[in-house]
Protein backbone atom coordinates (compact mmCIF):
# COMPACT_ATOMS: atom_id res chain seq x y z
CA MET A 1 -77.74 55.58 -6.82
CA VAL A 2 -80.43 54.58 -9.32
CA GLN A 3 -79.84 51.23 -10.83
CA TYR A 4 -81.05 50.65 -14.32
CA LEU A 5 -81.92 47.23 -15.66
CA GLU A 6 -80.27 46.11 -18.86
CA VAL A 7 -82.95 45.47 -21.62
CA PRO A 8 -82.21 42.17 -23.28
CA SER A 9 -81.57 42.42 -27.12
CA PRO A 10 -84.22 41.14 -29.53
CA ALA A 11 -82.27 37.97 -30.07
CA LEU A 12 -81.87 37.41 -26.19
CA ARG A 13 -85.54 38.05 -25.78
CA CYS A 14 -86.54 35.37 -28.25
CA VAL A 15 -84.14 32.81 -26.45
CA LEU A 16 -85.66 33.76 -23.14
CA LEU A 17 -89.29 33.39 -24.43
CA PHE A 18 -88.37 30.14 -25.98
CA LEU A 19 -86.92 28.77 -22.70
CA ALA A 20 -90.02 29.81 -20.81
CA VAL A 21 -92.44 28.13 -23.28
CA LEU A 22 -90.14 25.02 -23.13
CA GLN A 23 -90.23 24.99 -19.44
CA GLN A 24 -94.02 25.20 -19.41
CA CYS A 25 -94.51 22.62 -22.05
CA CYS A 26 -92.27 20.12 -20.14
CA ALA A 27 -93.90 20.49 -16.88
CA MET A 28 -95.36 17.09 -15.66
CA PRO A 29 -99.03 17.26 -15.09
CA VAL A 30 -100.45 16.47 -11.65
CA LEU A 31 -101.00 12.72 -11.73
CA PRO A 32 -103.72 10.70 -9.80
CA ALA A 33 -103.42 8.75 -6.65
CA ARG A 34 -102.43 5.16 -6.48
CA TYR A 35 -104.79 2.79 -8.08
CA ASP A 36 -105.42 -0.89 -7.01
CA PRO A 37 -102.99 -2.95 -8.92
CA PHE A 38 -105.36 -6.15 -8.31
CA ALA A 39 -108.52 -4.44 -9.88
CA VAL A 40 -107.84 -5.61 -13.41
CA LYS A 41 -107.17 -9.20 -12.05
CA GLU A 42 -110.43 -9.16 -10.36
CA MET A 43 -112.69 -7.74 -13.00
CA GLY A 44 -114.41 -9.16 -15.98
CA GLU A 45 -113.97 -12.58 -17.64
CA ARG A 46 -111.21 -15.04 -16.53
CA PRO A 47 -108.37 -16.16 -18.76
CA ALA A 48 -108.17 -19.69 -19.97
CA ASN A 49 -105.82 -21.47 -17.56
CA GLN A 50 -106.84 -25.14 -18.17
CA PRO A 51 -107.17 -27.37 -21.23
CA ASN A 52 -110.59 -26.77 -22.98
CA SER A 53 -111.32 -28.96 -26.04
CA ASP A 54 -114.11 -26.91 -27.38
CA ARG A 55 -112.18 -23.72 -27.32
CA CYS A 56 -109.04 -25.50 -28.67
CA ALA A 57 -110.91 -27.02 -31.63
CA LYS A 58 -112.47 -23.52 -32.67
CA VAL A 59 -109.08 -21.94 -32.64
CA LYS A 60 -107.53 -24.72 -34.67
CA ALA A 61 -110.32 -24.41 -37.11
CA GLY A 62 -109.38 -20.74 -37.79
CA HIS A 63 -111.36 -18.79 -35.33
CA GLY A 64 -109.47 -16.01 -34.12
CA GLY A 65 -107.33 -15.56 -37.13
CA ALA A 66 -104.41 -17.96 -36.15
CA SER A 67 -102.54 -19.26 -39.03
CA LYS A 68 -101.19 -22.86 -39.38
CA MET A 69 -97.61 -21.38 -38.73
CA ASP A 70 -98.92 -19.44 -35.78
CA ILE A 71 -100.32 -22.57 -34.38
CA ASN A 72 -97.12 -24.61 -34.90
CA ILE A 73 -94.99 -21.85 -33.36
CA LEU A 74 -97.04 -21.55 -30.28
CA GLU A 75 -97.26 -25.24 -29.71
CA SER A 76 -93.53 -25.60 -29.80
CA VAL A 77 -92.95 -22.92 -27.23
CA ASN A 78 -92.57 -24.13 -23.72
CA LEU A 79 -95.10 -23.17 -21.05
CA HIS A 80 -93.56 -23.42 -17.62
CA PRO A 81 -95.87 -24.49 -14.69
CA GLN A 82 -96.49 -21.71 -12.36
CA GLU A 83 -96.50 -24.04 -9.40
CA GLN A 84 -92.92 -25.14 -10.26
CA LEU A 85 -91.60 -21.43 -10.13
CA GLN A 86 -90.21 -20.00 -7.11
CA SER A 87 -92.38 -16.83 -7.37
CA THR A 88 -89.65 -14.76 -5.90
CA VAL A 89 -90.01 -12.06 -8.49
CA LYS A 90 -92.74 -9.67 -8.51
CA MET A 91 -93.92 -8.21 -11.71
CA LEU A 92 -96.19 -5.20 -12.54
CA CYS A 93 -97.47 -5.53 -16.16
CA VAL A 94 -98.80 -2.25 -17.73
CA ALA A 95 -100.61 -1.71 -21.01
CA TYR A 96 -101.45 1.79 -22.25
CA THR A 97 -104.23 2.77 -24.50
CA TYR A 98 -106.82 5.37 -25.20
CA ASP A 99 -110.57 5.67 -24.90
CA LYS A 100 -111.47 4.60 -28.42
CA ASP A 101 -109.77 1.35 -27.90
CA HIS A 102 -111.16 0.37 -24.42
CA SER A 103 -113.89 -2.01 -25.65
CA THR A 104 -111.68 -3.80 -28.04
CA LYS A 105 -107.82 -3.96 -27.38
CA GLY A 106 -108.12 -2.82 -23.78
CA LEU A 107 -110.65 -5.51 -22.97
CA ALA A 108 -108.74 -8.20 -24.63
CA VAL A 109 -105.56 -7.58 -22.90
CA ALA A 110 -107.24 -7.02 -19.61
CA SER A 111 -109.13 -10.33 -19.89
CA THR A 112 -106.28 -12.62 -21.04
CA TRP A 113 -102.50 -12.77 -20.14
CA LEU A 114 -102.37 -9.39 -18.00
CA LYS A 115 -104.39 -11.08 -15.30
CA ARG A 116 -101.55 -13.59 -14.66
CA CYS A 117 -99.01 -11.01 -13.56
CA ASP A 118 -98.58 -10.05 -9.82
CA GLY A 119 -99.95 -6.70 -10.42
CA ALA A 120 -101.68 -5.10 -13.52
CA LEU A 121 -102.63 -1.58 -14.74
CA VAL A 122 -104.30 -0.37 -17.98
CA LEU A 123 -103.42 3.26 -18.27
CA SER A 124 -105.46 5.56 -20.61
CA ASN A 125 -106.62 9.05 -21.12
CA GLU A 126 -109.97 8.30 -19.51
CA SER A 127 -111.16 6.19 -16.67
CA ASP A 128 -113.29 3.11 -17.52
CA PRO A 129 -114.51 1.03 -14.63
CA LYS A 130 -115.50 -1.93 -16.98
CA ILE A 131 -111.77 -2.79 -17.71
CA PRO A 132 -110.83 -0.91 -15.37
CA THR A 133 -108.55 1.86 -16.73
CA VAL A 134 -106.68 4.66 -14.96
CA ALA A 135 -106.84 8.07 -16.40
CA ILE A 136 -103.19 9.47 -16.68
CA PRO A 137 -102.83 13.04 -17.87
CA HIS A 138 -99.99 14.08 -19.99
CA ASP A 139 -98.75 17.25 -21.79
CA GLY A 140 -100.15 17.77 -25.16
CA PRO A 141 -102.83 16.09 -27.21
CA GLU A 142 -103.96 12.47 -27.12
CA ALA A 143 -102.25 11.31 -30.48
CA TYR A 144 -99.83 8.75 -31.86
CA LYS A 145 -97.42 11.60 -32.69
CA ASN A 146 -97.29 12.54 -28.83
CA ILE A 147 -96.67 9.14 -27.34
CA TRP A 148 -93.44 10.34 -25.77
CA GLN A 149 -95.33 12.66 -23.49
CA LYS A 150 -97.84 10.00 -22.62
CA THR A 151 -95.08 7.53 -21.74
CA ARG A 152 -93.24 10.10 -19.52
CA SER A 153 -96.53 10.62 -17.63
CA ASN A 154 -97.13 6.76 -17.39
CA TRP A 155 -93.76 5.90 -16.09
CA LYS A 156 -93.79 8.81 -13.65
CA TYR A 157 -97.05 7.45 -12.22
CA ILE A 158 -95.67 3.97 -12.06
CA HIS A 159 -92.51 5.06 -10.27
CA ASP A 160 -94.35 7.29 -7.66
CA ASN A 161 -96.88 4.54 -6.62
CA TYR A 162 -95.49 1.11 -7.17
CA LEU A 163 -91.60 1.33 -7.33
CA ASN A 164 -91.04 -0.40 -4.07
CA ASP A 165 -93.79 -3.01 -4.53
CA TYR A 166 -92.44 -4.70 -7.51
CA ASP A 167 -89.12 -6.01 -8.87
CA TYR A 168 -89.76 -5.52 -12.56
CA PHE A 169 -92.18 -3.41 -14.67
CA VAL A 170 -93.42 -4.59 -18.01
CA PHE A 171 -94.56 -1.76 -20.29
CA GLY A 172 -96.35 -1.75 -23.75
CA GLY A 173 -99.53 -0.92 -25.62
CA THR A 174 -102.55 -3.16 -25.73
CA ASP A 175 -101.30 -5.29 -28.73
CA TYR A 176 -98.64 -7.21 -27.17
CA TYR A 177 -98.95 -10.70 -25.57
CA VAL A 178 -96.79 -12.08 -22.88
CA ILE A 179 -96.40 -15.61 -21.57
CA VAL A 180 -96.07 -14.51 -17.92
CA GLU A 181 -94.96 -17.94 -16.75
CA ASN A 182 -92.04 -17.95 -19.16
CA LEU A 183 -91.15 -14.31 -18.20
CA ARG A 184 -90.99 -15.42 -14.57
CA TYR A 185 -88.95 -18.37 -15.38
CA TYR A 186 -86.43 -16.15 -17.19
CA LEU A 187 -86.38 -13.45 -14.48
CA GLU A 188 -85.82 -16.20 -11.70
CA SER A 189 -82.91 -17.78 -13.55
CA GLU A 190 -79.50 -17.54 -11.97
CA GLU A 191 -78.34 -15.29 -14.81
CA MET A 192 -81.04 -12.82 -14.14
CA VAL A 193 -81.05 -13.03 -10.35
CA ALA A 194 -77.24 -11.93 -10.50
CA ALA A 195 -77.88 -9.28 -13.17
CA ASN A 196 -80.77 -7.76 -11.15
CA SER A 197 -78.83 -7.49 -7.92
CA GLU A 198 -75.97 -5.49 -9.43
CA GLN A 199 -77.28 -3.16 -12.17
CA PRO A 200 -80.15 -1.34 -13.82
CA LEU A 201 -81.79 -3.76 -16.30
CA TYR A 202 -83.56 -2.75 -19.46
CA LEU A 203 -84.98 -5.81 -21.10
CA GLY A 204 -86.73 -6.68 -24.49
CA ARG A 205 -85.94 -7.12 -28.17
CA ARG A 206 -83.02 -5.16 -28.91
CA PHE A 207 -82.65 -2.90 -32.23
CA ALA A 208 -79.63 -0.69 -33.35
CA GLU A 209 -80.97 2.44 -34.88
CA GLY A 210 -79.96 2.62 -38.42
CA GLY A 211 -77.74 -0.47 -37.75
CA ASN A 212 -75.62 1.76 -35.30
CA VAL A 213 -74.89 -0.56 -32.29
CA GLY A 214 -73.96 2.68 -30.42
CA LYS A 215 -77.76 3.56 -30.60
CA GLN A 216 -79.43 0.57 -29.21
CA PHE A 217 -82.98 0.54 -27.96
CA ASN A 218 -85.54 -2.15 -26.97
CA SER A 219 -88.70 -2.11 -29.41
CA GLY A 220 -91.67 -0.90 -27.72
CA GLY A 221 -93.77 -3.41 -29.59
CA PRO A 222 -93.51 -6.61 -27.66
CA SER A 223 -92.88 -4.59 -24.42
CA TYR A 224 -89.79 -3.51 -22.66
CA ILE A 225 -88.97 -4.19 -18.96
CA LEU A 226 -87.30 -2.04 -16.26
CA ASN A 227 -86.19 -3.38 -13.05
CA GLN A 228 -86.30 -1.04 -9.92
CA LYS A 229 -82.81 0.42 -10.50
CA ALA A 230 -83.55 1.39 -14.29
CA LEU A 231 -87.01 2.74 -13.27
CA ARG A 232 -85.49 4.96 -10.50
CA LEU A 233 -82.68 6.05 -12.86
CA PHE A 234 -85.08 7.06 -15.65
CA VAL A 235 -87.51 9.08 -13.47
CA ASP A 236 -84.77 10.76 -11.56
CA ASN A 237 -83.50 12.18 -14.87
CA ILE A 238 -86.91 12.50 -16.65
CA GLU A 239 -86.94 16.27 -16.48
CA THR A 240 -83.35 16.92 -17.49
CA GLN A 241 -82.61 18.26 -20.90
CA ASN A 242 -80.56 15.10 -21.75
CA CYS A 243 -83.75 13.30 -21.65
CA ARG A 244 -85.64 15.60 -24.04
CA PRO A 245 -88.65 16.27 -21.86
CA GLY A 246 -90.23 18.86 -24.31
CA LEU A 247 -90.00 16.52 -27.41
CA VAL A 248 -93.12 15.82 -29.30
CA GLY A 249 -93.06 12.53 -31.18
CA PRO A 250 -93.93 8.81 -31.37
CA TRP A 251 -90.36 7.37 -30.58
CA GLU A 252 -90.97 6.54 -27.15
CA ASP A 253 -88.89 3.46 -27.17
CA VAL A 254 -85.99 5.25 -28.67
CA MET A 255 -86.24 8.10 -26.24
CA ILE A 256 -86.18 6.09 -23.17
CA ALA A 257 -83.22 4.12 -24.36
CA ASN A 258 -81.48 7.50 -24.89
CA CYS A 259 -82.39 8.67 -21.38
CA LEU A 260 -81.14 5.56 -19.84
CA LYS A 261 -77.82 5.58 -21.69
CA VAL A 262 -76.90 9.25 -21.02
CA SER A 263 -78.11 9.08 -17.43
CA GLY A 264 -76.40 5.98 -16.41
CA ASN A 265 -74.75 4.21 -19.36
CA VAL A 266 -77.53 1.66 -19.39
CA ILE A 267 -78.06 -0.13 -22.76
CA PRO A 268 -80.48 -3.01 -23.55
CA TYR A 269 -79.72 -6.44 -22.01
CA ASP A 270 -79.13 -9.17 -24.40
CA THR A 271 -82.18 -11.35 -23.81
CA ARG A 272 -81.44 -14.21 -26.38
CA ASP A 273 -81.12 -17.68 -25.21
CA SER A 274 -77.82 -19.76 -25.46
CA GLU A 275 -78.41 -20.47 -29.04
CA ASN A 276 -78.84 -16.75 -29.75
CA ARG A 277 -82.59 -17.17 -30.34
CA GLU A 278 -84.88 -14.35 -29.41
CA ARG A 279 -87.30 -14.45 -26.53
CA PHE A 280 -89.01 -11.20 -27.50
CA HIS A 281 -90.65 -10.78 -31.00
CA PRO A 282 -91.51 -7.54 -32.67
CA PHE A 283 -94.09 -9.37 -34.83
CA MET A 284 -96.75 -12.23 -34.70
CA PRO A 285 -95.34 -15.77 -34.40
CA GLY A 286 -95.83 -16.87 -38.06
CA ALA A 287 -94.30 -13.60 -39.37
CA MET A 288 -91.13 -14.14 -37.47
CA PHE A 289 -91.07 -17.88 -38.82
CA ASN A 290 -91.37 -16.84 -42.38
CA HIS A 291 -88.99 -13.90 -42.46
CA ARG A 292 -86.36 -14.18 -45.21
CA ILE A 293 -82.62 -13.59 -44.45
CA GLU A 294 -81.04 -10.84 -46.55
CA ASN A 295 -77.65 -11.15 -48.25
CA VAL A 296 -76.23 -7.91 -46.92
CA THR A 297 -72.71 -8.39 -48.75
CA LEU A 298 -74.52 -8.88 -52.17
CA LEU A 299 -76.81 -5.93 -51.47
CA LYS A 300 -74.00 -3.63 -50.91
CA GLU A 301 -72.20 -4.95 -54.05
CA GLN A 302 -75.44 -3.99 -55.85
CA GLY A 303 -75.56 -0.64 -54.25
CA ARG A 304 -78.73 -1.50 -52.45
CA GLN A 305 -79.77 -1.19 -48.79
CA PRO A 306 -81.23 -4.12 -46.82
CA GLY A 307 -84.55 -3.80 -45.24
CA TRP A 308 -85.04 -2.01 -41.95
CA PHE A 309 -85.48 -5.29 -39.90
CA THR A 310 -82.07 -6.60 -41.02
CA LYS A 311 -80.33 -3.28 -40.79
CA TYR A 312 -81.65 -2.78 -37.18
CA SER A 313 -80.46 -6.32 -36.26
CA PRO A 314 -76.62 -6.21 -36.85
CA TRP A 315 -76.04 -9.15 -34.43
CA GLY A 316 -77.96 -11.30 -36.83
CA LEU A 317 -81.35 -12.77 -37.49
CA LYS A 318 -82.69 -16.25 -37.12
CA VAL A 319 -85.58 -17.61 -39.14
CA GLY A 320 -87.65 -20.72 -39.38
CA THR A 321 -87.66 -22.92 -36.38
CA ASP A 322 -84.73 -20.88 -34.82
CA SER A 323 -86.66 -17.80 -34.98
CA HIS A 324 -88.20 -18.51 -31.63
CA SER A 325 -86.46 -19.43 -28.31
CA PRO A 326 -88.36 -22.46 -26.74
CA ASP A 327 -88.86 -20.16 -23.89
CA SER A 328 -90.24 -17.21 -25.93
CA ILE A 329 -91.94 -14.45 -23.86
CA ALA A 330 -93.62 -11.83 -25.85
CA TRP A 331 -95.08 -10.97 -29.32
CA HIS A 332 -96.32 -7.76 -31.00
CA TYR A 333 -99.19 -6.84 -33.51
CA ILE A 334 -101.57 -9.08 -31.62
CA LYS A 335 -105.32 -8.14 -32.48
CA PRO A 336 -107.91 -8.72 -29.79
CA LYS A 337 -109.35 -11.93 -31.66
CA PHE A 338 -105.99 -13.28 -31.95
CA MET A 339 -105.03 -12.48 -28.46
CA ARG A 340 -107.77 -14.66 -27.04
CA ALA A 341 -106.92 -17.28 -29.74
CA MET A 342 -103.24 -17.29 -28.48
CA ASP A 343 -104.63 -17.84 -24.88
CA ASP A 344 -106.72 -20.72 -25.99
CA LEU A 345 -103.81 -22.15 -27.85
CA LEU A 346 -101.25 -21.86 -25.03
CA TYR A 347 -103.69 -22.81 -22.25
CA GLY A 348 -106.84 -24.26 -23.65
CA CYS A 349 -105.23 -26.64 -26.05
CA ARG A 350 -102.62 -28.29 -23.64
CA ALA A 351 -102.00 -29.03 -20.11
CA PHE A 352 -99.01 -27.11 -18.60
CA ARG A 353 -95.71 -28.50 -19.96
CA GLY A 354 -92.23 -27.72 -18.85
CA PRO A 355 -89.13 -27.61 -21.07
CA SER A 356 -88.94 -30.16 -23.81
CA SER A 357 -86.28 -32.39 -24.40
CA LYS A 358 -85.15 -30.15 -27.37
CA GLY A 359 -85.34 -27.17 -24.89
CA LEU A 360 -83.14 -28.90 -22.54
CA GLN A 361 -80.67 -29.83 -25.07
CA HIS A 362 -80.24 -26.25 -26.23
CA GLY A 363 -79.71 -24.99 -22.60
CA ILE A 364 -82.37 -22.77 -21.80
CA PRO A 365 -82.71 -20.19 -18.70
CA GLY A 366 -81.35 -21.57 -15.37
CA ARG A 367 -78.28 -22.82 -17.31
CA THR A 368 -75.96 -20.04 -16.29
CA ALA A 369 -74.10 -20.22 -12.97
CA ILE A 370 -73.72 -16.89 -11.15
CA ALA A 371 -70.04 -16.66 -11.86
CA ASP A 372 -70.77 -17.16 -15.53
CA ALA A 373 -73.41 -14.47 -15.42
CA LYS A 374 -71.12 -11.95 -13.75
CA GLN A 375 -68.54 -12.73 -16.32
CA ARG A 376 -71.15 -11.92 -19.02
CA MET A 377 -71.98 -8.73 -17.35
CA ALA A 378 -68.29 -7.80 -17.27
CA ALA A 379 -67.90 -8.41 -20.80
CA ARG A 380 -70.89 -6.21 -21.67
CA GLN A 381 -69.57 -3.37 -19.57
CA ALA A 382 -66.10 -3.65 -21.20
CA ALA A 383 -67.86 -3.52 -24.65
CA ARG A 384 -69.72 -0.34 -23.69
CA GLU A 385 -66.58 1.38 -22.60
CA THR A 386 -64.78 0.72 -25.80
């Protein structure tokens, strides 16, 4: 008997063609071999790690673009001595960039705070031995509107080559600054040790898209951080349709949040301190201090909407001296000159200093017993399920 194949209808042919194109566009490019995560730490100029009166004087005179408010904020932030930390947590810090920014932003981040991490990578579209950068291919053009595809490839490369070598993976562009000692201090606190042992962790500065707490994400600006469990969960699901592998867009921070939530009910962890002051900041230090609190109730009565920053922070904003936790970790929109100025302010203008009396009074990391930490995790889990 002759068997005849059924010819698809025009509509079905269009669907099949679309699926074929979608599958092709979503395919992850072949990624390069593992790169030495110590190369950035060993190349180029060294970061400032000791007090330096000359560099300090220049920064305080305005070199590098630091305002008086920036200086005041950074001088009030604790800097935890590396030698007093347990160093039981290993961090891989990653900055992504592109070729036109290598000599400016790429070089600035690679010659300052990035070197203080346990491992460091600068991922780009082209290799550059001067920094050095690693060329990571991705689907589509090298463009701001295609950052989601760039991010997918970057995280896949990190997962495939470094997953078992580090406990946490810090990820952002080349305009964020991290006080590595303070991040380590936070991650080695009893609260975070307990949390890391039991669940995927997705850390950073929380926002709620449109004010909807059901659509939380960590701002990509000051970096977001995944532990091993979260990184494994993300990459295991990176090609599933729930994680939108074919999407072209710049909203990489929103997309990774969505993927983690639909894949494992993982939402951003609350990284504020015991006084609800933020550790991760989406703007420069002075900008956070000077932000104005909006009266949401009054605006609603007037038929007006609050600004996006207020709307995206439904758990409340703090300004002035409360805008920063004494153990603040990261900031965004840090230009190359200011990045070096921050390094000089934090390390060149003073010797290492631990928690101030104010910081101890307010109960900074390490304050939470493991039992209390587990209770907080249980409360968060209950909140997710309601």
